[in-house]
Amino acid sequence: MPPDLLGPTLALSGILFSIGVLGALLRRNAIILFMCVELMLNAVNLAFVAFARYYGFGGHVLVFFVMTVAAAEAAVGLAIMLALFRHNQTLDLQDINLLHG
């Protein structure tokens, strides 16, 4: 990767990560929360690939590990959301208080 493309690629990665963080902090819906977490993971993947192309090391291998974690997170998150929806009939995180005594 030419040196002049590393900066814009990392800037795009930072913007995507910031959008994911803001969405995770400001939204209360569980589906949107998981989408924001996925967006943050994809932003990190973009940064890994940019550094791998620029420095020539195995950042692509790290991307596969992050994708594996993201797939596992999506499967577990979907199972949790289905269980919460069956119990509460909503996915609003403010209405969910299963651990409340």
PDB file of N, CA and C in Angstrom:
ATOM      1  N   MET A   1       0.856  -1.176   0.000  1.00  0.00           N
ATOM      2  CA  MET A   1       0.000   0.000   0.000  1.00  0.00           C
ATOM      3  C   MET A   1       0.898   1.234   0.000  1.00  0.00           C
ATOM      4  N   PRO A   2       0.613   2.166  -0.857  1.00  0.00           N
ATOM      5  CA  PRO A   2       1.397   3.409  -0.841  1.00  0.00           C
ATOM      6  C   PRO A   2       1.184   4.176   0.454  1.00  0.00           C
ATOM      7  N   PRO A   3       2.204   4.908   0.892  1.00  0.00           N
ATOM      8  CA  PRO A   3       2.087   5.633   2.167  1.00  0.00           C
ATOM      9  C   PRO A   3       0.963   6.657   2.193  1.00  0.00           C
ATOM     10  N   ASP A   4       0.567   7.157   1.028  1.00  0.00           N
ATOM     11  CA  ASP A   4      -0.472   8.177   1.030  1.00  0.00           C
ATOM     12  C   ASP A   4      -1.870   7.600   1.230  1.00  0.00           C
ATOM     13  N   LEU A   5      -2.026   6.273   1.209  1.00  0.00           N
ATOM     14  CA  LEU A   5      -3.334   5.663   1.445  1.00  0.00           C
ATOM     15  C   LEU A   5      -3.532   5.167   2.869  1.00  0.00           C
ATOM     16  N   LEU A   6      -2.458   5.104   3.646  1.00  0.00           N
ATOM     17  CA  LEU A   6      -2.593   4.616   5.015  1.00  0.00           C
ATOM     18  C   LEU A   6      -3.408   5.584   5.873  1.00  0.00           C
ATOM     19  N   GLY A   7      -3.136   6.860   5.759  1.00  0.00           N
ATOM     20  CA  GLY A   7      -3.848   7.865   6.560  1.00  0.00           C
ATOM     21  C   GLY A   7      -5.345   7.885   6.320  1.00  0.00           C
ATOM     22  N   PRO A   8      -5.793   7.994   5.063  1.00  0.00           N
ATOM     23  CA  PRO A   8      -7.248   7.981   4.834  1.00  0.00           C
ATOM     24  C   PRO A   8      -7.918   6.673   5.244  1.00  0.00           C
ATOM     25  N   THR A   9      -7.211   5.562   5.082  1.00  0.00           N
ATOM     26  CA  THR A   9      -7.790   4.275   5.484  1.00  0.00           C
ATOM     27  C   THR A   9      -7.973   4.221   6.988  1.00  0.00           C
ATOM     28  N   LEU A  10      -6.981   4.682   7.725  1.00  0.00           N
ATOM     29  CA  LEU A  10      -7.110   4.699   9.190  1.00  0.00           C
ATOM     30  C   LEU A  10      -8.134   5.734   9.650  1.00  0.00           C
ATOM     31  N   ALA A  11      -8.258   6.838   8.898  1.00  0.00           N
ATOM     32  CA  ALA A  11      -9.288   7.826   9.232  1.00  0.00           C
ATOM     33  C   ALA A  11     -10.684   7.225   9.044  1.00  0.00           C
ATOM     34  N   LEU A  12     -10.886   6.495   7.959  1.00  0.00           N
ATOM     35  CA  LEU A  12     -12.164   5.827   7.741  1.00  0.00           C
ATOM     36  C   LEU A  12     -12.433   4.800   8.829  1.00  0.00           C
ATOM     37  N   SER A  13     -11.405   4.071   9.217  1.00  0.00           N
ATOM     38  CA  SER A  13     -11.549   3.098  10.293  1.00  0.00           C
ATOM     39  C   SER A  13     -11.940   3.794  11.601  1.00  0.00           C
ATOM     40  N   GLY A  14     -11.310   4.910  11.893  1.00  0.00           N
ATOM     41  CA  GLY A  14     -11.644   5.660  13.105  1.00  0.00           C
ATOM     42  C   GLY A  14     -13.057   6.211  13.087  1.00  0.00           C
ATOM     43  N   ILE A  15     -13.502   6.682  11.912  1.00  0.00           N
ATOM     44  CA  ILE A  15     -14.867   7.197  11.795  1.00  0.00           C
ATOM     45  C   ILE A  15     -15.883   6.079  12.006  1.00  0.00           C
ATOM     46  N   LEU A  16     -15.638   4.915  11.382  1.00  0.00           N
ATOM     47  CA  LEU A  16     -16.545   3.780  11.562  1.00  0.00           C
ATOM     48  C   LEU A  16     -16.585   3.331  13.021  1.00  0.00           C
ATOM     49  N   PHE A  17     -15.413   3.300  13.661  1.00  0.00           N
ATOM     50  CA  PHE A  17     -15.375   2.890  15.067  1.00  0.00           C
ATOM     51  C   PHE A  17     -16.124   3.896  15.940  1.00  0.00           C
ATOM     52  N   SER A  18     -15.964   5.188  15.648  1.00  0.00           N
ATOM     53  CA  SER A  18     -16.659   6.217  16.427  1.00  0.00           C
ATOM     54  C   SER A  18     -18.171   6.125  16.259  1.00  0.00           C
ATOM     55  N   ILE A  19     -18.628   5.854  15.037  1.00  0.00           N
ATOM     56  CA  ILE A  19     -20.061   5.682  14.811  1.00  0.00           C
ATOM     57  C   ILE A  19     -20.576   4.485  15.598  1.00  0.00           C
ATOM     58  N   GLY A  20     -19.793   3.411  15.631  1.00  0.00           N
ATOM     59  CA  GLY A  20     -20.187   2.237  16.400  1.00  0.00           C
ATOM     60  C   GLY A  20     -20.258   2.513  17.886  1.00  0.00           C
ATOM     61  N   VAL A  21     -19.285   3.254  18.412  1.00  0.00           N
ATOM     62  CA  VAL A  21     -19.289   3.585  19.842  1.00  0.00           C
ATOM     63  C   VAL A  21     -20.475   4.482  20.179  1.00  0.00           C
ATOM     64  N   LEU A  22     -20.714   5.498  19.354  1.00  0.00           N
ATOM     65  CA  LEU A  22     -21.849   6.386  19.618  1.00  0.00           C
ATOM     66  C   LEU A  22     -23.174   5.631  19.552  1.00  0.00           C
ATOM     67  N   GLY A  23     -23.295   4.759  18.581  1.00  0.00           N
ATOM     68  CA  GLY A  23     -24.522   3.971  18.483  1.00  0.00           C
ATOM     69  C   GLY A  23     -24.717   3.052  19.671  1.00  0.00           C
ATOM     70  N   ALA A  24     -23.621   2.461  20.154  1.00  0.00           N
ATOM     71  CA  ALA A  24     -23.720   1.569  21.312  1.00  0.00           C
ATOM     72  C   ALA A  24     -24.053   2.334  22.586  1.00  0.00           C
ATOM     73  N   LEU A  25     -23.596   3.567  22.687  1.00  0.00           N
ATOM     74  CA  LEU A  25     -23.859   4.347  23.896  1.00  0.00           C
ATOM     75  C   LEU A  25     -25.229   5.024  23.883  1.00  0.00           C
ATOM     76  N   LEU A  26     -25.719   5.388  22.710  1.00  0.00           N
ATOM     77  CA  LEU A  26     -26.938   6.183  22.649  1.00  0.00           C
ATOM     78  C   LEU A  26     -28.201   5.378  22.395  1.00  0.00           C
ATOM     79  N   ARG A  27     -28.090   4.203  21.834  1.00  0.00           N
ATOM     80  CA  ARG A  27     -29.279   3.420  21.499  1.00  0.00           C
ATOM     81  C   ARG A  27     -29.609   2.443  22.611  1.00  0.00           C
ATOM     82  N   ARG A  28     -30.885   2.091  22.703  1.00  0.00           N
ATOM     83  CA  ARG A  28     -31.327   1.184  23.754  1.00  0.00           C
ATOM     84  C   ARG A  28     -31.849  -0.137  23.213  1.00  0.00           C
ATOM     85  N   ASN A  29     -31.892  -0.301  21.905  1.00  0.00           N
ATOM     86  CA  ASN A  29     -32.393  -1.530  21.309  1.00  0.00           C
ATOM     87  C   ASN A  29     -31.251  -2.536  21.217  1.00  0.00           C
ATOM     88  N   ALA A  30     -31.522  -3.781  21.573  1.00  0.00           N
ATOM     89  CA  ALA A  30     -30.471  -4.795  21.602  1.00  0.00           C
ATOM     90  C   ALA A  30     -29.952  -5.122  20.210  1.00  0.00           C
ATOM     91  N   ILE A  31     -30.818  -5.102  19.211  1.00  0.00           N
ATOM     92  CA  ILE A  31     -30.381  -5.396  17.851  1.00  0.00           C
ATOM     93  C   ILE A  31     -29.429  -4.315  17.353  1.00  0.00           C
ATOM     94  N   ILE A  32     -29.760  -3.066  17.599  1.00  0.00           N
ATOM     95  CA  ILE A  32     -28.888  -1.969  17.178  1.00  0.00           C
ATOM     96  C   ILE A  32     -27.575  -2.011  17.949  1.00  0.00           C
ATOM     97  N   LEU A  33     -27.618  -2.399  19.209  1.00  0.00           N
ATOM     98  CA  LEU A  33     -26.396  -2.522  19.997  1.00  0.00           C
ATOM     99  C   LEU A  33     -25.458  -3.556  19.383  1.00  0.00           C
ATOM    100  N   PHE A  34     -26.000  -4.714  18.996  1.00  0.00           N
ATOM    101  CA  PHE A  34     -25.161  -5.734  18.383  1.00  0.00           C
ATOM    102  C   PHE A  34     -24.652  -5.293  17.015  1.00  0.00           C
ATOM    103  N   MET A  35     -25.456  -4.541  16.268  1.00  0.00           N
ATOM    104  CA  MET A  35     -24.991  -4.021  14.980  1.00  0.00           C
ATOM    105  C   MET A  35     -23.845  -3.034  15.173  1.00  0.00           C
ATOM    106  N   CYS A  36     -23.908  -2.242  16.224  1.00  0.00           N
ATOM    107  CA  CYS A  36     -22.838  -1.282  16.503  1.00  0.00           C
ATOM    108  C   CYS A  36     -21.561  -1.996  16.923  1.00  0.00           C
ATOM    109  N   VAL A  37     -21.681  -3.066  17.678  1.00  0.00           N
ATOM    110  CA  VAL A  37     -20.503  -3.859  18.047  1.00  0.00           C
ATOM    111  C   VAL A  37     -19.878  -4.476  16.803  1.00  0.00           C
ATOM    112  N   GLU A  38     -20.697  -4.962  15.894  1.00  0.00           N
ATOM    113  CA  GLU A  38     -20.184  -5.513  14.637  1.00  0.00           C
ATOM    114  C   GLU A  38     -19.493  -4.430  13.816  1.00  0.00           C
ATOM    115  N   LEU A  39     -20.037  -3.224  13.809  1.00  0.00           N
ATOM    116  CA  LEU A  39     -19.412  -2.119  13.085  1.00  0.00           C
ATOM    117  C   LEU A  39     -18.044  -1.785  13.675  1.00  0.00           C
ATOM    118  N   MET A  40     -17.941  -1.817  15.002  1.00  0.00           N
ATOM    119  CA  MET A  40     -16.644  -1.570  15.631  1.00  0.00           C
ATOM    120  C   MET A  40     -15.640  -2.664  15.285  1.00  0.00           C
ATOM    121  N   LEU A  41     -16.079  -3.920  15.270  1.00  0.00           N
ATOM    122  CA  LEU A  41     -15.178  -5.011  14.898  1.00  0.00           C
ATOM    123  C   LEU A  41     -14.724  -4.888  13.449  1.00  0.00           C
ATOM    124  N   ASN A  42     -15.608  -4.463  12.559  1.00  0.00           N
ATOM    125  CA  ASN A  42     -15.222  -4.277  11.166  1.00  0.00           C
ATOM    126  C   ASN A  42     -14.261  -3.105  10.994  1.00  0.00           C
ATOM    127  N   ALA A  43     -14.408  -2.083  11.811  1.00  0.00           N
ATOM    128  CA  ALA A  43     -13.461  -0.966  11.761  1.00  0.00           C
ATOM    129  C   ALA A  43     -12.063  -1.427  12.191  1.00  0.00           C
ATOM    130  N   VAL A  44     -11.996  -2.268  13.196  1.00  0.00           N
ATOM    131  CA  VAL A  44     -10.707  -2.816  13.623  1.00  0.00           C
ATOM    132  C   VAL A  44     -10.125  -3.707  12.529  1.00  0.00           C
ATOM    133  N   ASN A  45     -10.979  -4.485  11.859  1.00  0.00           N
ATOM    134  CA  ASN A  45     -10.515  -5.310  10.743  1.00  0.00           C
ATOM    135  C   ASN A  45      -9.915  -4.451   9.635  1.00  0.00           C
ATOM    136  N   LEU A  46     -10.546  -3.338   9.327  1.00  0.00           N
ATOM    137  CA  LEU A  46     -10.033  -2.437   8.305  1.00  0.00           C
ATOM    138  C   LEU A  46      -8.663  -1.885   8.692  1.00  0.00           C
ATOM    139  N   ALA A  47      -8.498  -1.538   9.965  1.00  0.00           N
ATOM    140  CA  ALA A  47      -7.193  -1.052  10.425  1.00  0.00           C
ATOM    141  C   ALA A  47      -6.134  -2.150  10.362  1.00  0.00           C
ATOM    142  N   PHE A  48      -6.501  -3.381  10.733  1.00  0.00           N
ATOM    143  CA  PHE A  48      -5.552  -4.501  10.637  1.00  0.00           C
ATOM    144  C   PHE A  48      -5.091  -4.719   9.208  1.00  0.00           C
ATOM    145  N   VAL A  49      -6.018  -4.693   8.271  1.00  0.00           N
ATOM    146  CA  VAL A  49      -5.662  -4.913   6.869  1.00  0.00           C
ATOM    147  C   VAL A  49      -4.808  -3.761   6.345  1.00  0.00           C
ATOM    148  N   ALA A  50      -5.124  -2.539   6.740  1.00  0.00           N
ATOM    149  CA  ALA A  50      -4.322  -1.388   6.298  1.00  0.00           C
ATOM    150  C   ALA A  50      -2.894  -1.494   6.820  1.00  0.00           C
ATOM    151  N   PHE A  51      -2.731  -1.840   8.085  1.00  0.00           N
ATOM    152  CA  PHE A  51      -1.378  -1.989   8.622  1.00  0.00           C
ATOM    153  C   PHE A  51      -0.649  -3.172   7.997  1.00  0.00           C
ATOM    154  N   ALA A  52      -1.381  -4.243   7.714  1.00  0.00           N
ATOM    155  CA  ALA A  52      -0.750  -5.405   7.085  1.00  0.00           C
ATOM    156  C   ALA A  52      -0.263  -5.067   5.681  1.00  0.00           C
ATOM    157  N   ARG A  53      -1.052  -4.303   4.943  1.00  0.00           N
ATOM    158  CA  ARG A  53      -0.635  -3.920   3.597  1.00  0.00           C
ATOM    159  C   ARG A  53       0.517  -2.928   3.638  1.00  0.00           C
ATOM    160  N   TYR A  54       0.523  -2.049   4.621  1.00  0.00           N
ATOM    161  CA  TYR A  54       1.564  -1.018   4.690  1.00  0.00           C
ATOM    162  C   TYR A  54       2.884  -1.583   5.183  1.00  0.00           C
ATOM    163  N   TYR A  55       2.848  -2.356   6.264  1.00  0.00           N
ATOM    164  CA  TYR A  55       4.076  -2.868   6.867  1.00  0.00           C
ATOM    165  C   TYR A  55       4.468  -4.247   6.359  1.00  0.00           C
ATOM    166  N   GLY A  56       3.569  -4.955   5.708  1.00  0.00           N
ATOM    167  CA  GLY A  56       3.905  -6.244   5.127  1.00  0.00           C
ATOM    168  C   GLY A  56       3.958  -7.398   6.109  1.00  0.00           C
ATOM    169  N   PHE A  57       3.214  -7.343   7.174  1.00  0.00           N
ATOM    170  CA  PHE A  57       3.166  -8.466   8.110  1.00  0.00           C
ATOM    171  C   PHE A  57       1.804  -9.129   8.041  1.00  0.00           C
ATOM    172  N   GLY A  58       1.608 -10.162   8.838  1.00  0.00           N
ATOM    173  CA  GLY A  58       0.412 -10.993   8.739  1.00  0.00           C
ATOM    174  C   GLY A  58      -0.798 -10.452   9.452  1.00  0.00           C
ATOM    175  N   GLY A  59      -1.224  -9.267   9.147  1.00  0.00           N
ATOM    176  CA  GLY A  59      -2.437  -8.723   9.741  1.00  0.00           C
ATOM    177  C   GLY A  59      -3.687  -9.404   9.229  1.00  0.00           C
ATOM    178  N   HIS A  60      -3.558 -10.056   8.071  1.00  0.00           N
ATOM    179  CA  HIS A  60      -4.712 -10.758   7.519  1.00  0.00           C
ATOM    180  C   HIS A  60      -5.112 -11.929   8.417  1.00  0.00           C
ATOM    181  N   VAL A  61      -4.144 -12.524   9.073  1.00  0.00           N
ATOM    182  CA  VAL A  61      -4.444 -13.627   9.994  1.00  0.00           C
ATOM    183  C   VAL A  61      -5.247 -13.104  11.179  1.00  0.00           C
ATOM    184  N   LEU A  62      -4.904 -11.920  11.673  1.00  0.00           N
ATOM    185  CA  LEU A  62      -5.650 -11.330  12.778  1.00  0.00           C
ATOM    186  C   LEU A  62      -7.095 -11.048  12.380  1.00  0.00           C
ATOM    187  N   VAL A  63      -7.308 -10.680  11.126  1.00  0.00           N
ATOM    188  CA  VAL A  63      -8.665 -10.415  10.649  1.00  0.00           C
ATOM    189  C   VAL A  63      -9.514 -11.682  10.737  1.00  0.00           C
ATOM    190  N   PHE A  64      -8.936 -12.835  10.405  1.00  0.00           N
ATOM    191  CA  PHE A  64      -9.698 -14.071  10.500  1.00  0.00           C
ATOM    192  C   PHE A  64     -10.066 -14.397  11.944  1.00  0.00           C
ATOM    193  N   PHE A  65      -9.167 -14.099  12.895  1.00  0.00           N
ATOM    194  CA  PHE A  65      -9.502 -14.310  14.296  1.00  0.00           C
ATOM    195  C   PHE A  65     -10.629 -13.375  14.735  1.00  0.00           C
ATOM    196  N   VAL A  66     -10.581 -12.121  14.309  1.00  0.00           N
ATOM    197  CA  VAL A  66     -11.635 -11.170  14.666  1.00  0.00           C
ATOM    198  C   VAL A  66     -12.958 -11.592  14.035  1.00  0.00           C
ATOM    199  N   MET A  67     -12.912 -12.082  12.795  1.00  0.00           N
ATOM    200  CA  MET A  67     -14.139 -12.545  12.146  1.00  0.00           C
ATOM    201  C   MET A  67     -14.714 -13.759  12.859  1.00  0.00           C
ATOM    202  N   THR A  68     -13.858 -14.628  13.369  1.00  0.00           N
ATOM    203  CA  THR A  68     -14.329 -15.790  14.119  1.00  0.00           C
ATOM    204  C   THR A  68     -15.015 -15.353  15.408  1.00  0.00           C
ATOM    205  N   VAL A  69     -14.416 -14.411  16.103  1.00  0.00           N
ATOM    206  CA  VAL A  69     -15.018 -13.891  17.327  1.00  0.00           C
ATOM    207  C   VAL A  69     -16.340 -13.190  17.014  1.00  0.00           C
ATOM    208  N   ALA A  70     -16.387 -12.451  15.913  1.00  0.00           N
ATOM    209  CA  ALA A  70     -17.616 -11.752  15.529  1.00  0.00           C
ATOM    210  C   ALA A  70     -18.731 -12.744  15.192  1.00  0.00           C
ATOM    211  N   ALA A  71     -18.382 -13.837  14.523  1.00  0.00           N
ATOM    212  CA  ALA A  71     -19.398 -14.843  14.202  1.00  0.00           C
ATOM    213  C   ALA A  71     -19.929 -15.507  15.467  1.00  0.00           C
ATOM    214  N   ALA A  72     -19.036 -15.811  16.393  1.00  0.00           N
ATOM    215  CA  ALA A  72     -19.474 -16.410  17.656  1.00  0.00           C
ATOM    216  C   ALA A  72     -20.323 -15.417  18.451  1.00  0.00           C
ATOM    217  N   GLU A  73     -19.932 -14.150  18.437  1.00  0.00           N
ATOM    218  CA  GLU A  73     -20.689 -13.118  19.146  1.00  0.00           C
ATOM    219  C   GLU A  73     -22.073 -12.951  18.534  1.00  0.00           C
ATOM    220  N   ALA A  74     -22.161 -13.032  17.218  1.00  0.00           N
ATOM    221  CA  ALA A  74     -23.458 -12.900  16.556  1.00  0.00           C
ATOM    222  C   ALA A  74     -24.363 -14.084  16.887  1.00  0.00           C
ATOM    223  N   ALA A  75     -23.814 -15.284  16.929  1.00  0.00           N
ATOM    224  CA  ALA A  75     -24.628 -16.465  17.248  1.00  0.00           C
ATOM    225  C   ALA A  75     -25.117 -16.428  18.690  1.00  0.00           C
ATOM    226  N   VAL A  76     -24.223 -16.095  19.609  1.00  0.00           N
ATOM    227  CA  VAL A  76     -24.618 -16.024  21.023  1.00  0.00           C
ATOM    228  C   VAL A  76     -25.569 -14.853  21.248  1.00  0.00           C
ATOM    229  N   GLY A  77     -25.301 -13.728  20.603  1.00  0.00           N
ATOM    230  CA  GLY A  77     -26.168 -12.563  20.745  1.00  0.00           C
ATOM    231  C   GLY A  77     -27.566 -12.819  20.218  1.00  0.00           C
ATOM    232  N   LEU A  78     -27.668 -13.514  19.090  1.00  0.00           N
ATOM    233  CA  LEU A  78     -28.986 -13.845  18.550  1.00  0.00           C
ATOM    234  C   LEU A  78     -29.746 -14.768  19.490  1.00  0.00           C
ATOM    235  N   ALA A  79     -29.059 -15.735  20.079  1.00  0.00           N
ATOM    236  CA  ALA A  79     -29.717 -16.634  21.035  1.00  0.00           C
ATOM    237  C   ALA A  79     -30.192 -15.869  22.268  1.00  0.00           C
ATOM    238  N   ILE A  80     -29.380 -14.950  22.751  1.00  0.00           N
ATOM    239  CA  ILE A  80     -29.781 -14.146  23.915  1.00  0.00           C
ATOM    240  C   ILE A  80     -30.973 -13.259  23.574  1.00  0.00           C
ATOM    241  N   MET A  81     -30.941 -12.638  22.379  1.00  0.00           N
ATOM    242  CA  MET A  81     -32.053 -11.776  21.988  1.00  0.00           C
ATOM    243  C   MET A  81     -33.345 -12.564  21.824  1.00  0.00           C
ATOM    244  N   LEU A  82     -33.269 -13.754  21.271  1.00  0.00           N
ATOM    245  CA  LEU A  82     -34.474 -14.576  21.145  1.00  0.00           C
ATOM    246  C   LEU A  82     -35.036 -14.958  22.515  1.00  0.00           C
ATOM    247  N   ALA A  83     -34.146 -15.308  23.435  1.00  0.00           N
ATOM    248  CA  ALA A  83     -34.617 -15.659  24.779  1.00  0.00           C
ATOM    249  C   ALA A  83     -35.235 -14.452  25.484  1.00  0.00           C
ATOM    250  N   LEU A  84     -34.617 -13.283  25.345  1.00  0.00           N
ATOM    251  CA  LEU A  84     -35.170 -12.084  25.971  1.00  0.00           C
ATOM    252  C   LEU A  84     -36.505 -11.691  25.354  1.00  0.00           C
ATOM    253  N   PHE A  85     -36.616 -11.818  24.035  1.00  0.00           N
ATOM    254  CA  PHE A  85     -37.878 -11.455  23.391  1.00  0.00           C
ATOM    255  C   PHE A  85     -38.995 -12.407  23.785  1.00  0.00           C
ATOM    256  N   ARG A  86     -38.684 -13.670  23.924  1.00  0.00           N
ATOM    257  CA  ARG A  86     -39.709 -14.637  24.349  1.00  0.00           C
ATOM    258  C   ARG A  86     -40.160 -14.372  25.782  1.00  0.00           C
ATOM    259  N   HIS A  87     -39.246 -13.898  26.601  1.00  0.00           N
ATOM    260  CA  HIS A  87     -39.576 -13.668  28.016  1.00  0.00           C
ATOM    261  C   HIS A  87     -40.276 -12.330  28.225  1.00  0.00           C
ATOM    262  N   ASN A  88     -39.806 -11.267  27.544  1.00  0.00           N
ATOM    263  CA  ASN A  88     -40.301  -9.913  27.810  1.00  0.00           C
ATOM    264  C   ASN A  88     -41.156  -9.321  26.705  1.00  0.00           C
ATOM    265  N   GLN A  89     -41.190  -9.930  25.525  1.00  0.00           N
ATOM    266  CA  GLN A  89     -41.884  -9.401  24.361  1.00  0.00           C
ATOM    267  C   GLN A  89     -41.354  -8.038  23.931  1.00  0.00           C
ATOM    268  N   THR A  90     -40.116  -7.732  24.258  1.00  0.00           N
ATOM    269  CA  THR A  90     -39.466  -6.497  23.819  1.00  0.00           C
ATOM    270  C   THR A  90     -37.967  -6.718  23.786  1.00  0.00           C
ATOM    271  N   LEU A  91     -37.286  -5.884  22.992  1.00  0.00           N
ATOM    272  CA  LEU A  91     -35.824  -5.916  22.964  1.00  0.00           C
ATOM    273  C   LEU A  91     -35.235  -4.603  23.463  1.00  0.00           C
ATOM    274  N   ASP A  92     -36.055  -3.781  24.092  1.00  0.00           N
ATOM    275  CA  ASP A  92     -35.572  -2.528  24.667  1.00  0.00           C
ATOM    276  C   ASP A  92     -34.783  -2.852  25.927  1.00  0.00           C
ATOM    277  N   LEU A  93     -33.546  -2.410  25.969  1.00  0.00           N
ATOM    278  CA  LEU A  93     -32.659  -2.794  27.072  1.00  0.00           C
ATOM    279  C   LEU A  93     -33.059  -2.163  28.401  1.00  0.00           C
ATOM    280  N   GLN A  94     -33.837  -1.081  28.380  1.00  0.00           N
ATOM    281  CA  GLN A  94     -34.287  -0.479  29.640  1.00  0.00           C
ATOM    282  C   GLN A  94     -35.394  -1.299  30.289  1.00  0.00           C
ATOM    283  N   ASP A  95     -36.106  -2.081  29.490  1.00  0.00           N
ATOM    284  CA  ASP A  95     -37.211  -2.883  30.030  1.00  0.00           C
ATOM    285  C   ASP A  95     -36.761  -4.260  30.499  1.00  0.00           C
ATOM    286  N   ILE A  96     -35.506  -4.580  30.297  1.00  0.00           N
ATOM    287  CA  ILE A  96     -35.014  -5.906  30.638  1.00  0.00           C
ATOM    288  C   ILE A  96     -34.334  -5.841  31.998  1.00  0.00           C
ATOM    289  N   ASN A  97     -34.900  -6.507  32.981  1.00  0.00           N
ATOM    290  CA  ASN A  97     -34.328  -6.547  34.317  1.00  0.00           C
ATOM    291  C   ASN A  97     -34.425  -7.969  34.876  1.00  0.00           C
ATOM    292  N   LEU A  98     -33.870  -8.924  34.159  1.00  0.00           N
ATOM    293  CA  LEU A  98     -33.964 -10.328  34.577  1.00  0.00           C
ATOM    294  C   LEU A  98     -33.163 -10.611  35.844  1.00  0.00           C
ATOM    295  N   LEU A  99     -32.115  -9.843  36.084  1.00  0.00           N
ATOM    296  CA  LEU A  99     -31.275 -10.080  37.248  1.00  0.00           C
ATOM    297  C   LEU A  99     -31.740  -9.295  38.474  1.00  0.00           C
ATOM    298  N   HIS A 100     -32.831  -8.571  38.306  1.00  0.00           N
ATOM    299  CA  HIS A 100     -33.374  -7.810  39.427  1.00  0.00           C
ATOM    300  C   HIS A 100     -34.029  -8.764  40.408  1.00  0.00           C
ATOM    301  N   GLY A 101     -33.663  -8.666  41.686  1.00  0.00           N
ATOM    302  CA  GLY A 101     -34.128  -9.594  42.701  1.00  0.00           C
ATOM    303  C   GLY A 101     -35.526  -9.399  43.048  1.00  0.00           C
TER     304      GLY A 101
END
